[in-house]
Protein backbone atom coordinates (compact mmCIF):
# COMPACT_ATOMS: atom_id res chain seq x y z
CA MET A 1 48.79 -33.09 17.73
CA ASP A 2 47.64 -33.17 21.42
CA LYS A 3 43.92 -33.03 20.28
CA LEU A 4 44.63 -36.14 18.08
CA LYS A 5 46.06 -37.95 20.90
CA SER A 6 43.20 -37.08 23.10
CA LEU A 7 40.60 -38.14 20.58
CA LEU A 8 42.38 -41.51 20.05
CA ALA A 9 42.53 -42.08 23.87
CA ALA A 10 38.77 -41.26 24.10
CA LYS A 11 37.99 -43.64 21.23
CA LYS A 12 40.00 -46.52 22.67
CA LYS A 13 38.45 -46.00 26.00
CA GLU A 14 34.96 -46.20 24.47
CA THR A 15 35.83 -49.43 22.51
CA SER A 16 37.50 -50.99 25.72
CA GLU A 17 34.31 -50.40 27.70
CA VAL A 18 32.21 -52.17 25.08
CA ARG A 19 34.87 -54.91 24.33
CA GLY A 20 35.91 -55.55 27.86
CA ASP A 21 38.70 -58.35 27.83
CA LYS A 22 37.97 -59.54 24.40
CA LYS A 23 40.48 -58.99 21.71
CA TRP A 24 37.98 -58.68 19.00
CA MET A 25 34.10 -57.93 18.63
CA ARG A 26 31.67 -58.19 15.92
CA LYS A 27 30.17 -55.29 14.29
CA ALA A 28 26.52 -56.14 15.49
CA ASP A 29 27.67 -56.01 18.92
CA LEU A 30 29.05 -52.58 18.56
CA GLU A 31 25.90 -51.36 16.86
CA ALA A 32 23.68 -52.86 19.66
CA ALA A 33 25.74 -51.01 22.30
CA ARG A 34 25.45 -47.83 20.29
CA LEU A 35 21.48 -48.31 20.22
CA LYS A 36 21.52 -49.06 23.87
CA ARG A 37 23.35 -45.72 24.61
CA LEU A 38 20.94 -43.85 22.46
CA ARG A 39 17.80 -45.29 24.35
CA GLU A 40 19.23 -44.46 27.64
CA GLU A 41 19.69 -40.65 26.44
CA GLU A 42 16.19 -40.58 25.04
CA GLN A 43 14.88 -41.81 28.44
CA ARG A 44 16.78 -39.18 30.33
CA GLU A 45 15.38 -36.36 28.03
CA LEU A 46 11.87 -37.74 28.48
CA ALA A 47 12.24 -37.73 32.21
CA ALA A 48 13.54 -34.22 32.05
CA LYS A 49 10.52 -32.99 30.06
CA ALA A 50 8.12 -34.82 32.31
CA ARG A 51 9.56 -33.03 35.28
CA LYS A 52 9.28 -29.63 33.54
CA LYS A 53 5.88 -30.05 32.27
CA PRO A 54 3.89 -29.28 35.41
CA ARG A 55 5.81 -26.12 35.99
CA LEU A 56 4.97 -24.82 32.41
CA VAL A 57 1.30 -25.76 32.87
CA ASP A 58 0.97 -23.73 36.11
CA GLU A 59 2.79 -20.72 34.22
CA VAL A 60 0.51 -20.85 31.39
CA SER A 61 -2.77 -21.37 33.22
CA GLU A 62 -2.09 -18.55 35.57
CA PRO A 63 -2.40 -15.75 32.80
CA SER A 64 -5.46 -17.51 31.47
CA ARG A 65 -7.31 -17.36 34.69
CA SER A 66 -6.31 -13.64 34.94
CA ARG A 67 -7.73 -13.12 31.49
CA ASP A 68 -11.00 -14.82 32.28
CA ALA A 69 -11.19 -12.69 35.42
CA ASP A 70 -10.63 -9.43 33.52
CA ALA A 71 -13.29 -10.39 31.04
CA ALA A 72 -15.78 -11.32 33.64
CA ARG A 73 -15.26 -7.84 35.31
CA ARG A 74 -15.72 -6.20 31.87
CA GLY A 75 -18.84 -8.10 31.27
CA GLY A 76 -20.86 -6.08 33.69
CA VAL A 77 -24.59 -6.86 33.53
CA ALA A 78 -24.12 -9.16 30.50
CA ARG A 79 -22.14 -11.75 32.58
CA GLN A 80 -25.21 -12.44 34.73
CA ARG A 81 -26.92 -14.07 31.59
CA THR A 82 -26.58 -17.66 31.19
CA PRO A 83 -24.40 -18.94 28.13
CA GLU A 84 -27.56 -20.11 26.29
CA GLU A 85 -29.22 -16.65 26.54
CA VAL A 86 -26.10 -14.96 25.37
CA ILE A 87 -25.81 -17.38 22.33
CA GLN A 88 -29.57 -16.88 21.60
CA ARG A 89 -29.15 -13.11 21.89
CA LEU A 90 -26.16 -13.03 19.40
CA ARG A 91 -27.96 -15.18 16.91
CA THR A 92 -30.95 -12.88 17.03
CA LEU A 93 -28.61 -9.88 16.31
CA GLY A 94 -27.16 -11.74 13.33
CA GLN A 95 -23.70 -12.22 15.04
CA PRO A 96 -21.65 -15.41 15.35
CA ALA A 97 -22.55 -17.34 18.23
CA THR A 98 -18.86 -18.22 19.23
CA LEU A 99 -15.67 -17.15 17.99
CA PHE A 100 -12.41 -19.27 18.03
CA GLY A 101 -10.97 -19.52 21.61
CA GLU A 102 -13.81 -17.63 23.05
CA GLY A 103 -15.30 -18.35 26.41
CA HIS A 104 -18.53 -17.18 28.18
CA PRO A 105 -17.03 -14.04 29.59
CA GLU A 106 -15.58 -12.94 26.28
CA ARG A 107 -19.00 -13.79 24.63
CA ALA A 108 -20.81 -11.78 26.99
CA GLU A 109 -18.52 -8.85 26.49
CA ARG A 110 -18.96 -8.97 22.71
CA LEU A 111 -22.68 -9.11 23.15
CA ARG A 112 -22.42 -5.83 25.21
CA ARG A 113 -20.50 -4.00 22.49
CA VAL A 114 -22.93 -5.17 19.78
CA GLU A 115 -25.82 -3.99 21.80
CA LYS A 116 -24.10 -0.74 22.35
CA GLU A 117 -23.54 -0.22 18.54
CA LEU A 118 -27.23 -1.12 17.68
CA ASP A 119 -30.38 0.25 18.79
CA VAL A 120 -31.66 -2.84 20.71
CA ASP A 121 -34.86 -3.22 22.84
CA ALA A 122 -33.78 -4.83 26.17
CA ASN A 123 -37.06 -6.63 26.46
CA ASP A 124 -37.44 -8.49 23.11
CA GLY A 125 -33.84 -8.34 21.80
CA GLU A 126 -35.05 -7.01 18.25
CA VAL A 127 -33.08 -4.54 16.26
CA HIS A 128 -35.12 -1.29 15.72
CA GLY A 129 -32.27 0.74 14.47
CA LYS A 130 -29.50 0.76 11.99
CA ASN A 131 -25.74 0.17 12.54
CA ILE A 132 -24.56 3.47 13.85
CA VAL A 133 -21.01 3.28 12.03
CA LEU A 134 -22.71 2.70 8.60
CA GLU A 135 -25.19 5.48 9.39
CA ILE A 136 -22.49 7.88 9.98
CA GLN A 137 -20.67 6.92 6.71
CA ARG A 138 -23.84 7.51 4.95
CA GLU A 139 -24.41 11.00 6.59
CA GLU A 140 -20.84 12.08 5.66
CA GLU A 141 -21.41 10.77 2.11
CA ALA A 142 -24.58 12.77 1.74
CA GLN A 143 -22.89 15.81 3.20
CA ARG A 144 -19.99 15.66 0.79
CA ARG A 145 -22.63 15.44 -2.08
CA ALA A 146 -24.50 18.34 -0.89
CA GLU A 147 -21.28 20.49 -0.60
CA ALA A 148 -20.31 19.45 -4.12
CA ALA A 149 -23.60 20.53 -5.31
CA VAL A 150 -23.40 23.92 -3.61
CA ARG A 151 -19.86 24.47 -5.09
CA ALA A 152 -21.10 23.57 -8.54
CA GLN A 153 -24.05 26.06 -8.24
CA GLN A 154 -21.69 28.79 -6.94
CA ARG A 155 -19.30 28.21 -10.02
CA GLY A 156 -22.45 28.38 -12.36
CA ALA A 157 -23.69 31.67 -10.62
CA ASP A 158 -20.12 33.22 -10.89
CA GLU A 159 -20.02 32.40 -14.67
CA ASP A 160 -23.33 33.98 -15.11
CA ASP A 161 -22.33 37.10 -13.34
CA LYS A 162 -19.25 37.63 -15.57
CA PRO A 163 -19.52 40.65 -17.84
CA GLY A 164 -20.08 39.74 -21.52
CA GLU A 165 -18.90 41.57 -24.61
CA ASP A 166 -21.75 44.08 -24.34
CA ALA A 167 -21.91 44.35 -20.59
CA PRO A 168 -20.29 47.25 -18.72
CA ALA A 169 -16.97 46.61 -16.88
CA ALA A 170 -16.46 47.35 -13.18
CA GLY A 171 -15.13 50.73 -13.89
CA GLY A 172 -18.34 51.65 -15.89
CA ASP A 173 -16.75 51.50 -19.32
CA ALA A 174 -17.99 48.93 -21.77
CA ALA A 175 -14.96 46.94 -22.48
CA PRO A 176 -14.69 43.29 -23.53
CA ALA A 177 -12.81 40.80 -21.63
CA ASP A 178 -9.08 40.62 -22.57
CA PRO A 179 -8.11 37.08 -23.37
CA THR A 180 -4.49 38.12 -23.79
CA ALA A 181 -4.44 39.27 -20.04
CA ALA A 182 -6.08 36.24 -18.86
CA ALA A 183 -3.52 34.06 -20.91
CA PHE A 184 -0.57 36.08 -19.41
CA ALA A 185 -2.05 35.74 -15.90
CA GLU A 186 -2.33 31.97 -16.25
CA ALA A 187 1.16 31.62 -17.46
CA ALA A 188 2.43 33.73 -14.78
CA ARG A 189 0.65 31.42 -12.11
CA ALA A 190 1.92 28.30 -13.94
CA LEU A 191 5.48 29.75 -13.88
CA GLN A 192 5.28 30.63 -10.17
CA GLU A 193 4.04 27.23 -9.44
CA ARG A 194 6.86 25.53 -11.28
CA LEU A 195 9.63 27.74 -9.64
CA GLU A 196 8.16 26.65 -6.34
CA GLU A 197 8.21 22.90 -7.28
CA GLU A 198 11.76 23.23 -8.48
CA ARG A 199 12.74 24.43 -4.90
CA MET A 200 10.78 21.67 -3.20
CA GLU A 201 12.39 18.61 -1.51
CA PRO A 202 11.73 15.30 -3.29
CA GLU A 203 9.45 14.08 -0.30
CA ASP A 204 7.46 17.34 -0.51
CA LEU A 205 6.93 17.02 -4.41
CA ILE A 206 5.87 13.55 -4.19
CA ALA A 207 3.28 14.26 -1.44
CA LYS A 208 1.98 17.38 -3.18
CA TYR A 209 1.17 15.47 -6.47
CA LEU A 210 0.02 12.38 -4.62
CA ARG A 211 -2.58 14.51 -2.77
CA ARG A 212 -3.57 16.31 -5.82
CA TRP A 213 -4.15 13.12 -7.86
CA CYS A 214 -6.09 11.55 -4.91
CA ASP A 215 -8.20 14.72 -4.64
CA ALA A 216 -8.93 14.61 -8.32
CA TRP A 217 -9.79 10.92 -8.13
CA LYS A 218 -12.23 11.56 -5.24
CA GLU A 219 -13.85 14.45 -7.25
CA ASP A 220 -14.12 11.96 -10.24
CA MET A 221 -15.79 9.39 -8.19
CA ASP A 222 -18.43 11.81 -6.69
CA ALA A 223 -19.18 13.11 -9.98
CA ARG A 224 -20.85 9.85 -11.13
CA PRO A 225 -24.56 9.67 -11.34
CA GLU A 226 -26.35 8.34 -8.41
CA ALA A 227 -27.58 5.17 -10.51
CA VAL A 228 -24.17 4.49 -11.63
CA ARG A 229 -22.62 5.08 -8.22
CA ASN A 230 -24.94 2.54 -6.60
CA GLY A 231 -24.61 -0.29 -9.26
CA PRO A 232 -22.41 -3.18 -8.90
CA ALA A 233 -19.51 -1.68 -10.78
CA GLY A 234 -19.81 1.48 -9.04
CA VAL A 235 -19.62 0.05 -5.58
CA GLN A 236 -16.86 -2.13 -6.59
CA ALA A 237 -14.96 1.04 -7.84
CA THR A 238 -15.90 3.04 -4.70
CA ASN A 239 -14.55 0.43 -2.43
CA LEU A 240 -11.31 0.10 -4.51
CA PHE A 241 -10.89 3.87 -4.17
CA LYS A 242 -11.41 3.79 -0.36
CA GLN A 243 -9.03 0.85 0.02
CA THR A 244 -6.27 2.69 -2.13
CA MET A 245 -6.64 5.73 0.26
CA LEU A 246 -6.04 3.44 3.24
CA PHE A 247 -3.04 2.02 1.54
CA PHE A 248 -1.64 5.49 1.02
CA ARG A 249 -1.50 6.43 4.84
CA PRO A 250 1.82 4.83 5.54
CA LEU A 251 3.31 6.40 2.48
CA PHE A 252 2.15 9.94 3.50
CA GLU A 253 3.52 9.28 7.11
CA ARG A 254 7.03 8.11 5.80
CA LEU A 255 7.23 11.09 3.41
CA GLU A 256 6.44 13.55 6.35
CA ARG A 257 8.94 11.96 8.67
CA ARG A 258 11.53 11.43 5.84
CA GLU A 259 11.81 7.72 6.66
CA LEU A 260 11.31 6.38 3.06
CA ASN A 261 13.90 4.19 1.64
CA ALA A 262 16.19 6.07 -0.65
CA GLU A 263 16.06 3.82 -3.75
CA LEU A 264 12.24 3.46 -3.34
CA MET A 265 11.84 7.36 -2.91
CA ALA A 266 14.02 7.68 -6.24
CA GLY A 267 11.50 5.44 -7.98
CA LEU A 268 8.56 7.27 -6.70
CA TYR A 269 10.36 10.70 -7.80
CA LEU A 270 10.86 9.35 -11.25
CA MET A 271 7.29 8.08 -11.67
CA VAL A 272 5.94 11.54 -10.47
CA GLU A 273 8.21 13.31 -13.02
CA ALA A 274 6.85 11.00 -15.84
CA MET A 275 3.20 11.27 -14.79
CA ARG A 276 3.49 15.00 -14.71
CA GLN A 277 4.53 15.00 -18.26
CA ARG A 278 1.91 12.43 -19.23
CA HIS A 279 4.41 9.88 -20.08
CA TYR A 280 2.53 6.94 -18.44
CA LEU A 281 4.67 4.12 -20.12
CA GLN A 282 7.83 5.63 -18.77
CA ALA A 283 6.24 5.72 -15.31
CA TYR A 284 5.09 2.14 -15.58
CA ASP A 285 8.57 1.03 -16.74
CA VAL A 286 9.97 2.59 -13.43
CA TYR A 287 7.18 1.04 -11.45
CA MET A 288 8.09 -2.38 -12.65
CA LYS A 289 11.79 -1.80 -11.85
CA VAL A 290 10.77 -0.61 -8.27
CA THR A 291 8.44 -3.53 -7.66
CA ILE A 292 10.10 -6.45 -9.39
CA GLY A 293 13.54 -5.38 -10.63
CA ASN A 294 15.49 -6.49 -13.58
CA ALA A 295 17.39 -9.40 -12.00
CA PRO A 296 17.05 -12.95 -13.45
CA TRP A 297 14.03 -14.75 -12.17
CA PRO A 298 14.90 -17.20 -9.46
CA ILE A 299 12.42 -19.91 -10.49
CA GLY A 300 12.71 -22.20 -13.51
CA VAL A 301 9.84 -23.83 -15.26
CA THR A 302 10.14 -27.47 -16.62
CA GLN A 303 7.61 -30.19 -17.81
CA VAL A 304 7.45 -31.45 -14.27
CA GLY A 305 6.60 -28.26 -12.71
CA LEU A 306 8.25 -25.46 -10.89
CA HIS A 307 11.60 -25.79 -9.33
CA GLU A 308 14.45 -23.78 -7.88
CA ARG A 309 17.19 -22.85 -9.90
CA ALA A 310 20.63 -24.01 -9.03
CA GLY A 311 22.89 -21.14 -7.61
CA ARG A 312 19.82 -18.94 -6.86
CA GLU A 313 21.56 -17.41 -3.97
CA LYS A 314 24.49 -16.20 -6.32
CA ILE A 315 21.68 -14.85 -8.58
CA ARG A 316 20.12 -12.80 -5.70
CA LEU A 317 23.42 -11.56 -4.26
CA GLY A 318 24.76 -10.69 -7.72
CA HIS A 319 21.87 -8.22 -8.58
CA LYS A 320 20.65 -5.74 -5.99
CA ALA A 321 17.25 -5.15 -7.80
CA ALA A 322 16.41 -8.78 -7.14
CA SER A 323 15.36 -7.86 -3.61
CA ALA A 324 12.33 -5.86 -4.83
CA HIS A 325 10.79 -3.33 -2.50
CA ILE A 326 7.36 -4.80 -2.93
CA MET A 327 8.39 -7.75 -0.74
CA THR A 328 9.99 -5.89 2.11
CA ASP A 329 6.96 -5.34 4.16
CA GLU A 330 3.12 -5.43 3.83
CA ALA A 331 2.57 -1.73 4.08
CA THR A 332 5.24 -1.11 1.05
CA ARG A 333 3.50 -3.74 -0.99
CA LYS A 334 0.05 -2.21 -0.41
CA PHE A 335 0.81 1.32 -1.37
CA LEU A 336 2.82 0.29 -4.49
CA GLN A 337 -0.26 -1.67 -5.57
CA GLY A 338 -2.28 1.49 -4.78
CA TRP A 339 0.13 3.56 -6.90
CA LYS A 340 -0.54 1.24 -9.95
CA ARG A 341 -4.41 1.87 -9.38
CA LEU A 342 -3.69 5.86 -9.25
CA LEU A 343 -1.55 5.57 -12.41
CA THR A 344 -4.73 3.96 -14.20
CA PHE A 345 -6.90 6.76 -13.01
CA VAL A 346 -4.32 9.57 -13.88
CA GLN A 347 -4.02 8.44 -17.43
CA ARG A 348 -7.74 8.47 -17.73
CA ARG A 349 -8.13 11.95 -16.22
CA TRP A 350 -5.21 13.39 -18.17
CA PRO A 351 -5.05 11.27 -21.37
CA THR A 352 -2.42 11.21 -23.72
CA ASP A 353 -1.47 9.33 -26.90
CA PRO A 354 -2.09 5.43 -26.71
CA SER A 355 1.59 4.91 -27.45
CA ARG A 356 2.52 6.67 -24.16
CA SER A 357 -0.24 4.97 -22.18
CA VAL A 358 -0.39 1.69 -20.37
CA ASP A 359 -3.21 -0.91 -21.18
CA PHE A 360 -5.00 1.73 -23.01
CA ASN A 361 -8.71 1.43 -22.78
CA ALA A 362 -8.60 -1.80 -20.97
CA GLN A 363 -10.72 -0.57 -18.28
CA THR A 364 -14.20 0.66 -19.33
CA GLY A 365 -17.45 1.27 -17.71
CA ASP A 366 -19.35 4.22 -16.17
CA GLY A 367 -18.85 2.97 -12.62
CA TRP A 368 -14.96 3.54 -12.85
CA GLY A 369 -15.39 7.43 -13.02
CA ALA A 370 -17.03 10.38 -14.63
CA ALA A 371 -14.03 11.23 -16.69
CA GLY A 372 -14.74 9.78 -20.28
CA GLY A 373 -17.50 7.75 -18.76
CA GLY A 374 -14.72 5.31 -17.29
CA SER A 375 -13.07 4.76 -20.67
CA MET A 376 -9.58 6.19 -21.49
CA LYS A 377 -10.43 6.33 -25.32
CA GLN A 378 -13.48 8.29 -24.74
CA ALA A 379 -11.66 10.55 -22.29
CA LEU A 380 -9.05 11.15 -25.11
CA ILE A 381 -11.63 11.97 -27.59
CA GLU A 382 -13.38 14.49 -25.30
CA ALA A 383 -9.92 16.22 -24.48
CA GLU A 384 -9.20 16.51 -28.27
CA GLN A 385 -12.58 18.03 -28.79
CA LYS A 386 -11.99 20.59 -26.05
CA GLY A 387 -8.66 21.45 -27.62
CA GLU A 388 -6.58 20.04 -24.70
CA LYS A 389 -3.52 18.68 -26.57
CA PRO A 390 -0.72 17.21 -24.35
CA ASP A 391 2.82 18.63 -24.69
CA ASN A 392 5.03 16.00 -26.35
CA LYS A 393 8.29 18.04 -26.08
CA TRP A 394 9.33 16.07 -22.87
CA ALA A 395 8.33 12.58 -24.58
CA TYR A 396 10.31 13.57 -27.69
CA LYS A 397 13.36 14.45 -25.58
CA TRP A 398 13.18 11.15 -23.52
CA ALA A 399 12.79 9.31 -26.96
CA VAL A 400 15.80 10.90 -28.42
CA GLU A 401 17.81 10.42 -25.28
CA ASN A 402 16.77 6.65 -25.37
CA GLY A 403 17.53 6.12 -29.11
CA ALA A 404 14.03 6.23 -30.72
CA GLY A 405 13.81 4.06 -33.67
CA LYS A 406 16.72 1.90 -32.65
CA CYS A 407 17.07 -1.43 -30.97
CA SER A 408 18.95 -0.87 -27.92
CA VAL A 409 19.73 -2.66 -24.64
CA PRO A 410 17.63 -1.13 -21.86
CA GLU A 411 19.26 0.87 -19.24
CA LYS A 412 20.36 -0.75 -16.01
CA TRP A 413 18.29 0.22 -12.96
CA GLU A 414 21.45 1.25 -11.07
CA TYR A 415 22.15 3.81 -13.75
CA THR A 416 18.65 5.08 -13.65
CA LEU A 417 18.96 5.46 -9.95
CA LYS A 418 22.07 7.34 -10.13
CA ARG A 419 20.42 9.93 -12.38
CA ALA A 420 17.42 10.21 -9.83
CA TYR A 421 19.92 10.50 -7.04
CA ALA A 422 21.64 13.39 -8.68
CA ALA A 423 18.38 15.35 -9.55
CA MET A 424 17.18 14.87 -5.82
CA GLU A 425 20.59 16.02 -4.74
CA ARG A 426 20.29 19.16 -6.46
CA ARG A 427 16.79 19.77 -5.04
CA TYR A 428 18.25 19.28 -1.53
CA GLU A 429 21.11 21.85 -2.20
CA THR A 430 18.60 24.33 -3.63
CA GLN A 431 16.41 23.94 -0.38
CA ALA A 432 19.62 24.34 1.78
CA ALA A 433 20.74 27.47 -0.19
CA ASP A 434 17.26 29.08 0.01
CA ALA A 435 17.09 28.37 3.83
CA ALA A 436 20.63 29.88 4.22
CA GLY A 437 19.74 32.89 2.20
CA LYS A 438 16.73 33.57 4.31
CA THR A 439 18.67 33.19 7.63
CA ALA A 440 21.14 35.75 6.52
CA GLY A 441 18.40 38.14 5.35
CA ASP A 442 16.71 37.90 8.79
CA ALA A 443 20.10 38.58 10.42
């Protein structure tokens, strides 16, 4: 009540100042008085800004002068050249004459760095050598190829030195190689590896298979012929591979430091499990849930174009999967994009039935890799000719659990995450139990 009285008093005082002794006033007079007050307030604000502007100019110009001084000190001998000489020298070396916001000291410093990277004659300014960085990359590539050739020769020599059916064994007795013993040894090795993987934490399991698949991808790229590798498609595939390896660096760091988002880690864990069993369609389904989610799309399409739906905030708040992880930060978006590229390679390197593949045979060409000549279909044919038949037991189990042959509603992403969380929790418990048992044994 007191607030209402004070408001009425203030309003009465305001109108009395404008009206004066008059008992009534026209509405036009009230509007003119209001506009007058607004103009006075604007003039006061402009005056305040004018008083503040010189002080801001001084504060901004001081760091600029200090930066110019630092750049001049860094320039060294290059700063003694005139701007025309520096520009002419940069153009001779094939560099931009001036970058945005660049002054003469910064330009001279850039010229000094360019001359340091290139073998330049100080007298005529001509480039007599090659870019050192590119030369180092070429040397590393040649060294990797030489090492791969040496390893291939060693494998061939080992195969030639193996005793045949008529050759004497190491003990002196002529005994043929036992395929049964070799099969048992391979089965024991696979069993030991599977037991070790079952006791791994989810982060370690994801990092292990990610490194294994990246190494296999690199070997597949190096196995291409020289002509294919240097062709347009080969260069494009090589650049794509190198870019993907850069995208995976933040993922490896987060896995090592255990800083990966729980929901994102659950999605990666499910994709690794599906890709291990060569069920690439299931891995792709999880990938789409992680990157996009299964929430309603917040944009509608009409004849007039795109427009935002009414109540889109309710749509986003009502579905947790609407805030996809691919949009959280740039590093996450990049390594998720790289994971899709890795999935494309893995299903070509370890092919399976087309019904369990994604975009089967959509990517063809020798430049994409040596396995199958860059073709998923050819890779599958070669695997069948070698007798490599993928195990479909896991796929059959997944189909039965998800109602194969039936038209059912897809499972919600939150239920899929619950199962993944439970599986990862069992791994953490197993790891903790092993650590406790080891500590008790040492005591």
